[in-house]
Amino acid sequence: MSKSTEIKSTDGRKGNSRKKSIPKLPVPQGERSNKPAINQAKKSRKKQYAKKAIKNVFGSEVAMFESMAKKAKEGSYNHMKLLTDMMYEEDKDNTGTTVKAPIINFIGDSEISKKVKERIIDVTPKDE
């Protein structure tokens, strides 16, 4: 069979060709400029990693505090400050603010409503 003379190689539309692929860029070596937010899961993960590292290096948390105390006794101010901060710091988790809104009782007579009723002046005219 012979080729048809009516078929063209392109149909005449602008840019009627295959799109070029996006080149893959290498991973940057420096720090990210848009760091992801640290949520509660990531914070708790940091604590787990720290505890695991302490157990691997020192054997237990008590051994780590003892080695910090030895360094503080040798004269390291930073170790002394860490120990005293950990010993005397208050629980930061329990220092949350609580909102105490006033309670308004519309049903029944309370002490406040009785005081308000005593102060009301009746201005209705009396029939004589």
N, C-alpha and C. Protein backbone atom coordinates (compact mmCIF):
# COMPACT_ATOMS: atom_id res chain seq x y z
N MET A 1 0.82 -1.17 0.00
CA MET A 1 0.00 0.00 0.00
C MET A 1 0.88 1.25 0.00
N SER A 2 0.32 2.26 -0.50
CA SER A 2 1.06 3.51 -0.57
C SER A 2 0.55 4.45 0.51
N LYS A 3 1.39 5.41 0.89
CA LYS A 3 1.02 6.38 1.90
C LYS A 3 0.04 7.37 1.33
N SER A 4 -0.81 7.86 2.20
CA SER A 4 -1.78 8.84 1.77
C SER A 4 -1.09 10.20 1.67
N THR A 5 -1.45 10.98 0.69
CA THR A 5 -0.86 12.31 0.51
C THR A 5 -1.57 13.35 1.36
N GLU A 6 -2.69 12.99 1.95
CA GLU A 6 -3.46 13.96 2.72
C GLU A 6 -3.00 14.07 4.18
N ILE A 7 -2.22 13.12 4.68
CA ILE A 7 -1.77 13.15 6.07
C ILE A 7 -0.49 13.96 6.15
N LYS A 8 -0.49 14.97 7.07
CA LYS A 8 0.68 15.80 7.26
C LYS A 8 1.47 15.30 8.48
N SER A 9 2.73 15.68 8.58
CA SER A 9 3.56 15.26 9.70
C SER A 9 3.11 15.92 11.01
N THR A 10 2.61 17.16 10.95
CA THR A 10 2.02 17.81 12.12
C THR A 10 0.65 18.33 11.71
N ASP A 11 -0.19 18.55 12.69
CA ASP A 11 -1.52 19.03 12.34
C ASP A 11 -1.61 20.55 12.41
N GLY A 12 -0.52 21.27 12.56
CA GLY A 12 -0.52 22.71 12.47
C GLY A 12 -0.67 23.46 13.77
N ARG A 13 -0.87 22.76 14.91
CA ARG A 13 -1.00 23.48 16.18
C ARG A 13 0.37 23.93 16.67
N LYS A 14 0.38 25.08 17.36
CA LYS A 14 1.63 25.65 17.84
C LYS A 14 2.18 24.76 18.97
N GLY A 15 3.43 24.50 18.93
CA GLY A 15 4.08 23.71 19.98
C GLY A 15 3.58 22.28 20.03
N ASN A 16 3.23 21.71 18.93
CA ASN A 16 2.71 20.34 18.90
C ASN A 16 3.89 19.37 18.91
N SER A 17 4.51 19.30 20.06
CA SER A 17 5.63 18.37 20.18
C SER A 17 5.64 17.83 21.60
N ARG A 18 6.44 16.86 21.83
CA ARG A 18 6.54 16.24 23.15
C ARG A 18 7.22 17.21 24.13
N LYS A 19 6.69 17.26 25.35
CA LYS A 19 7.25 18.13 26.37
C LYS A 19 8.59 17.59 26.85
N LYS A 20 9.49 18.49 27.17
CA LYS A 20 10.78 18.09 27.70
C LYS A 20 10.62 17.77 29.18
N SER A 21 11.36 16.78 29.65
CA SER A 21 11.25 16.40 31.06
C SER A 21 11.98 17.41 31.94
N ILE A 22 11.55 17.49 33.21
CA ILE A 22 12.16 18.40 34.16
C ILE A 22 13.46 17.75 34.64
N PRO A 23 14.58 18.47 34.55
CA PRO A 23 15.84 17.85 34.99
C PRO A 23 15.86 17.69 36.51
N LYS A 24 16.43 16.59 36.97
CA LYS A 24 16.51 16.33 38.40
C LYS A 24 17.73 17.06 38.95
N LEU A 25 17.46 17.89 39.95
CA LEU A 25 18.53 18.67 40.56
C LEU A 25 19.15 17.89 41.71
N PRO A 26 20.44 18.09 41.97
CA PRO A 26 21.05 17.40 43.11
C PRO A 26 20.52 17.95 44.43
N VAL A 27 20.57 17.15 45.48
CA VAL A 27 20.10 17.55 46.80
C VAL A 27 21.07 18.59 47.35
N PRO A 28 20.58 19.73 47.84
CA PRO A 28 21.48 20.76 48.37
C PRO A 28 22.20 20.28 49.63
N GLN A 29 23.43 20.75 49.80
CA GLN A 29 24.25 20.31 50.92
C GLN A 29 24.01 21.13 52.18
N GLY A 30 23.60 22.39 52.05
CA GLY A 30 23.43 23.28 53.21
C GLY A 30 22.13 23.01 53.94
N GLU A 31 21.87 23.84 54.96
CA GLU A 31 20.63 23.72 55.71
C GLU A 31 19.46 24.22 54.90
N ARG A 32 18.27 23.72 55.23
CA ARG A 32 17.07 24.14 54.54
C ARG A 32 16.67 25.53 54.99
N SER A 33 16.17 26.32 54.05
CA SER A 33 15.70 27.65 54.42
C SER A 33 14.27 27.61 54.94
N ASN A 34 13.52 26.61 54.54
CA ASN A 34 12.13 26.47 55.00
C ASN A 34 12.01 25.20 55.84
N LYS A 35 12.39 25.30 57.10
CA LYS A 35 12.38 24.14 57.97
C LYS A 35 10.94 23.80 58.36
N PRO A 36 10.60 22.51 58.43
CA PRO A 36 9.25 22.15 58.84
C PRO A 36 9.03 22.47 60.31
N ALA A 37 7.79 22.72 60.66
CA ALA A 37 7.43 23.07 62.03
C ALA A 37 7.63 21.88 62.95
N ILE A 38 8.02 22.15 64.20
CA ILE A 38 8.20 21.09 65.18
C ILE A 38 6.88 20.90 65.91
N ASN A 39 6.25 19.78 65.68
CA ASN A 39 4.98 19.50 66.34
C ASN A 39 5.22 18.62 67.56
N GLN A 40 4.16 18.22 68.23
CA GLN A 40 4.27 17.47 69.48
C GLN A 40 4.94 16.12 69.26
N ALA A 41 4.68 15.48 68.13
CA ALA A 41 5.28 14.17 67.86
C ALA A 41 6.79 14.28 67.73
N LYS A 42 7.26 15.33 67.05
CA LYS A 42 8.70 15.51 66.89
C LYS A 42 9.37 15.86 68.21
N LYS A 43 8.66 16.62 69.07
CA LYS A 43 9.22 16.95 70.38
C LYS A 43 9.38 15.69 71.22
N SER A 44 8.38 14.84 71.22
CA SER A 44 8.46 13.61 72.02
C SER A 44 9.51 12.67 71.44
N ARG A 45 9.70 12.70 70.13
CA ARG A 45 10.72 11.87 69.50
C ARG A 45 12.11 12.31 69.95
N LYS A 46 12.32 13.62 70.12
CA LYS A 46 13.60 14.12 70.60
C LYS A 46 13.90 13.59 71.99
N LYS A 47 12.89 13.56 72.85
CA LYS A 47 13.07 13.05 74.20
C LYS A 47 13.45 11.57 74.17
N GLN A 48 12.79 10.81 73.31
CA GLN A 48 13.09 9.38 73.21
C GLN A 48 14.52 9.17 72.72
N TYR A 49 14.94 9.94 71.72
CA TYR A 49 16.31 9.81 71.20
C TYR A 49 17.33 10.16 72.28
N ALA A 50 17.05 11.21 73.05
CA ALA A 50 17.98 11.63 74.10
C ALA A 50 18.09 10.56 75.18
N LYS A 51 16.97 10.00 75.60
CA LYS A 51 17.00 8.96 76.63
C LYS A 51 17.74 7.72 76.14
N LYS A 52 17.53 7.36 74.87
CA LYS A 52 18.20 6.19 74.31
C LYS A 52 19.70 6.42 74.24
N ALA A 53 20.12 7.63 73.84
CA ALA A 53 21.54 7.95 73.75
C ALA A 53 22.17 7.94 75.14
N ILE A 54 21.46 8.47 76.14
CA ILE A 54 21.99 8.47 77.52
C ILE A 54 22.18 7.04 78.01
N LYS A 55 21.21 6.18 77.74
CA LYS A 55 21.33 4.79 78.20
C LYS A 55 22.47 4.06 77.48
N ASN A 56 22.67 4.38 76.19
CA ASN A 56 23.74 3.72 75.44
C ASN A 56 25.12 4.18 75.92
N VAL A 57 25.28 5.45 76.21
CA VAL A 57 26.59 5.99 76.57
C VAL A 57 26.89 5.80 78.05
N PHE A 58 25.95 6.18 78.93
CA PHE A 58 26.21 6.17 80.36
C PHE A 58 25.67 4.92 81.07
N GLY A 59 24.74 4.23 80.48
CA GLY A 59 24.16 3.06 81.11
C GLY A 59 22.80 3.36 81.73
N SER A 60 22.66 4.52 82.34
CA SER A 60 21.38 4.92 82.92
C SER A 60 21.38 6.43 83.09
N GLU A 61 20.21 6.97 83.39
CA GLU A 61 20.10 8.42 83.59
C GLU A 61 20.80 8.84 84.87
N VAL A 62 20.77 7.99 85.87
CA VAL A 62 21.43 8.30 87.14
C VAL A 62 22.93 8.44 86.93
N ALA A 63 23.51 7.54 86.12
CA ALA A 63 24.96 7.60 85.84
C ALA A 63 25.31 8.89 85.10
N MET A 64 24.43 9.35 84.24
CA MET A 64 24.69 10.60 83.52
C MET A 64 24.71 11.77 84.50
N PHE A 65 23.74 11.82 85.43
CA PHE A 65 23.71 12.90 86.40
C PHE A 65 24.92 12.84 87.35
N GLU A 66 25.36 11.64 87.66
CA GLU A 66 26.56 11.52 88.50
C GLU A 66 27.79 12.04 87.78
N SER A 67 27.92 11.75 86.49
CA SER A 67 29.08 12.25 85.75
C SER A 67 28.99 13.77 85.60
N MET A 68 27.76 14.32 85.47
CA MET A 68 27.61 15.77 85.43
C MET A 68 28.02 16.38 86.77
N ALA A 69 27.68 15.72 87.86
CA ALA A 69 28.05 16.22 89.18
C ALA A 69 29.56 16.18 89.38
N LYS A 70 30.22 15.15 88.86
CA LYS A 70 31.69 15.08 88.96
C LYS A 70 32.33 16.23 88.19
N LYS A 71 31.81 16.50 86.97
CA LYS A 71 32.35 17.61 86.18
C LYS A 71 32.11 18.94 86.89
N ALA A 72 30.94 19.08 87.53
CA ALA A 72 30.63 20.32 88.25
C ALA A 72 31.57 20.49 89.44
N LYS A 73 31.91 19.38 90.11
CA LYS A 73 32.81 19.44 91.25
C LYS A 73 34.22 19.82 90.81
N GLU A 74 34.59 19.41 89.59
CA GLU A 74 35.91 19.77 89.06
C GLU A 74 36.00 21.25 88.72
N GLY A 75 34.85 21.92 88.61
CA GLY A 75 34.87 23.35 88.38
C GLY A 75 34.17 23.80 87.11
N SER A 76 33.45 22.92 86.45
CA SER A 76 32.74 23.30 85.22
C SER A 76 31.45 24.03 85.59
N TYR A 77 31.41 25.31 85.27
CA TYR A 77 30.24 26.12 85.61
C TYR A 77 29.01 25.65 84.85
N ASN A 78 29.17 25.28 83.58
CA ASN A 78 28.03 24.85 82.76
C ASN A 78 27.37 23.60 83.34
N HIS A 79 28.18 22.64 83.80
CA HIS A 79 27.60 21.44 84.39
C HIS A 79 26.88 21.77 85.70
N MET A 80 27.46 22.69 86.48
CA MET A 80 26.83 23.10 87.73
C MET A 80 25.49 23.77 87.46
N LYS A 81 25.47 24.64 86.46
CA LYS A 81 24.23 25.35 86.12
C LYS A 81 23.16 24.37 85.64
N LEU A 82 23.55 23.41 84.81
CA LEU A 82 22.58 22.41 84.34
C LEU A 82 21.98 21.63 85.51
N LEU A 83 22.83 21.21 86.42
CA LEU A 83 22.33 20.43 87.56
C LEU A 83 21.38 21.25 88.42
N THR A 84 21.77 22.49 88.73
CA THR A 84 20.91 23.30 89.59
C THR A 84 19.61 23.67 88.89
N ASP A 85 19.66 23.92 87.59
CA ASP A 85 18.43 24.23 86.85
C ASP A 85 17.49 23.03 86.86
N MET A 86 18.03 21.84 86.66
CA MET A 86 17.18 20.65 86.65
C MET A 86 16.63 20.35 88.04
N MET A 87 17.42 20.66 89.06
CA MET A 87 17.00 20.34 90.42
C MET A 87 15.92 21.30 90.91
N TYR A 88 16.06 22.60 90.59
CA TYR A 88 15.15 23.59 91.15
C TYR A 88 14.10 24.11 90.19
N GLU A 89 14.08 23.64 88.97
CA GLU A 89 13.08 24.15 88.04
C GLU A 89 11.71 23.59 88.35
N GLU A 90 10.69 24.41 88.13
CA GLU A 90 9.33 23.97 88.36
C GLU A 90 8.82 23.24 87.13
N ASP A 91 7.78 22.49 87.30
CA ASP A 91 7.20 21.75 86.19
C ASP A 91 6.61 22.73 85.18
N LYS A 92 7.15 22.76 83.99
CA LYS A 92 6.67 23.72 82.99
C LYS A 92 5.35 23.26 82.36
N ASP A 93 5.08 21.96 82.40
CA ASP A 93 3.84 21.46 81.80
C ASP A 93 2.62 21.86 82.61
N ASN A 94 2.78 22.03 83.92
CA ASN A 94 1.64 22.32 84.78
C ASN A 94 1.39 23.81 84.96
N THR A 95 2.18 24.65 84.32
CA THR A 95 2.02 26.09 84.49
C THR A 95 1.10 26.69 83.45
N GLY A 96 0.20 25.91 82.88
CA GLY A 96 -0.74 26.42 81.89
C GLY A 96 -1.73 27.38 82.51
N THR A 97 -2.18 28.31 81.73
CA THR A 97 -3.14 29.28 82.24
C THR A 97 -4.54 28.71 82.15
N THR A 98 -5.30 28.97 83.17
CA THR A 98 -6.70 28.53 83.16
C THR A 98 -7.58 29.77 83.23
N VAL A 99 -8.61 29.76 82.46
CA VAL A 99 -9.53 30.90 82.41
C VAL A 99 -10.68 30.61 83.35
N LYS A 100 -10.91 31.53 84.27
CA LYS A 100 -12.02 31.38 85.21
C LYS A 100 -13.04 32.47 84.89
N ALA A 101 -14.02 32.11 84.11
CA ALA A 101 -15.06 33.05 83.73
C ALA A 101 -16.09 33.15 84.84
N PRO A 102 -16.68 34.31 85.01
CA PRO A 102 -17.72 34.44 86.05
C PRO A 102 -18.96 33.64 85.68
N ILE A 103 -19.58 33.10 86.70
CA ILE A 103 -20.79 32.30 86.49
C ILE A 103 -22.00 33.18 86.76
N ILE A 104 -22.86 33.28 85.77
CA ILE A 104 -24.07 34.09 85.90
C ILE A 104 -25.25 33.13 86.03
N ASN A 105 -25.99 33.29 87.11
CA ASN A 105 -27.12 32.42 87.38
C ASN A 105 -28.40 33.19 87.07
N PHE A 106 -29.08 32.83 85.99
CA PHE A 106 -30.32 33.50 85.62
C PHE A 106 -31.53 32.84 86.27
N ILE A 107 -31.38 31.62 86.73
CA ILE A 107 -32.48 30.89 87.35
C ILE A 107 -32.23 30.84 88.85
N GLY A 108 -33.23 31.17 89.65
CA GLY A 108 -33.08 31.12 91.10
C GLY A 108 -32.49 32.42 91.63
N ASP A 109 -32.59 32.58 92.91
CA ASP A 109 -32.08 33.79 93.55
C ASP A 109 -30.75 33.49 94.21
N SER A 110 -29.77 34.23 93.82
CA SER A 110 -28.46 34.11 94.45
C SER A 110 -28.24 35.34 95.32
N GLU A 111 -27.11 35.41 95.99
CA GLU A 111 -26.82 36.54 96.87
C GLU A 111 -26.69 37.84 96.06
N ILE A 112 -26.11 37.75 94.91
CA ILE A 112 -25.91 38.94 94.09
C ILE A 112 -27.24 39.48 93.59
N SER A 113 -28.13 38.57 93.15
CA SER A 113 -29.42 39.04 92.64
C SER A 113 -30.26 39.66 93.77
N LYS A 114 -30.12 39.17 95.00
CA LYS A 114 -30.84 39.76 96.14
C LYS A 114 -30.35 41.18 96.42
N LYS A 115 -29.01 41.38 96.32
CA LYS A 115 -28.45 42.71 96.53
C LYS A 115 -28.92 43.67 95.46
N VAL A 116 -29.00 43.19 94.23
CA VAL A 116 -29.45 44.04 93.13
C VAL A 116 -30.91 44.41 93.32
N LYS A 117 -31.74 43.46 93.75
CA LYS A 117 -33.17 43.74 93.97
C LYS A 117 -33.38 44.76 95.08
N GLU A 118 -32.52 44.77 96.08
CA GLU A 118 -32.64 45.73 97.17
C GLU A 118 -32.34 47.15 96.68
N ARG A 119 -31.46 47.29 95.71
CA ARG A 119 -31.06 48.61 95.21
C ARG A 119 -32.03 49.19 94.18
N ILE A 120 -32.93 48.40 93.64
CA ILE A 120 -33.85 48.88 92.62
C ILE A 120 -34.86 49.82 93.26
N ILE A 121 -35.06 50.98 92.64
CA ILE A 121 -36.01 51.96 93.13
C ILE A 121 -37.27 51.86 92.27
N ASP A 122 -38.38 51.69 92.91
CA ASP A 122 -39.65 51.57 92.19
C ASP A 122 -40.16 52.96 91.87
N VAL A 123 -40.34 53.26 90.57
CA VAL A 123 -40.80 54.59 90.16
C VAL A 123 -42.21 54.57 89.58
N THR A 124 -42.93 53.49 89.77
CA THR A 124 -44.31 53.43 89.26
C THR A 124 -45.21 54.32 90.12
N PRO A 125 -46.10 55.09 89.49
CA PRO A 125 -46.96 56.00 90.28
C PRO A 125 -47.99 55.21 91.10
N LYS A 126 -48.23 55.69 92.30
CA LYS A 126 -49.19 55.03 93.17
C LYS A 126 -50.53 55.79 93.04
N ASP A 127 -51.62 55.04 93.01
CA ASP A 127 -52.96 55.66 92.92
C ASP A 127 -53.37 56.16 94.31
N GLU A 128 -53.80 57.41 94.38
CA GLU A 128 -54.21 57.96 95.67
C GLU A 128 -55.69 58.18 95.70
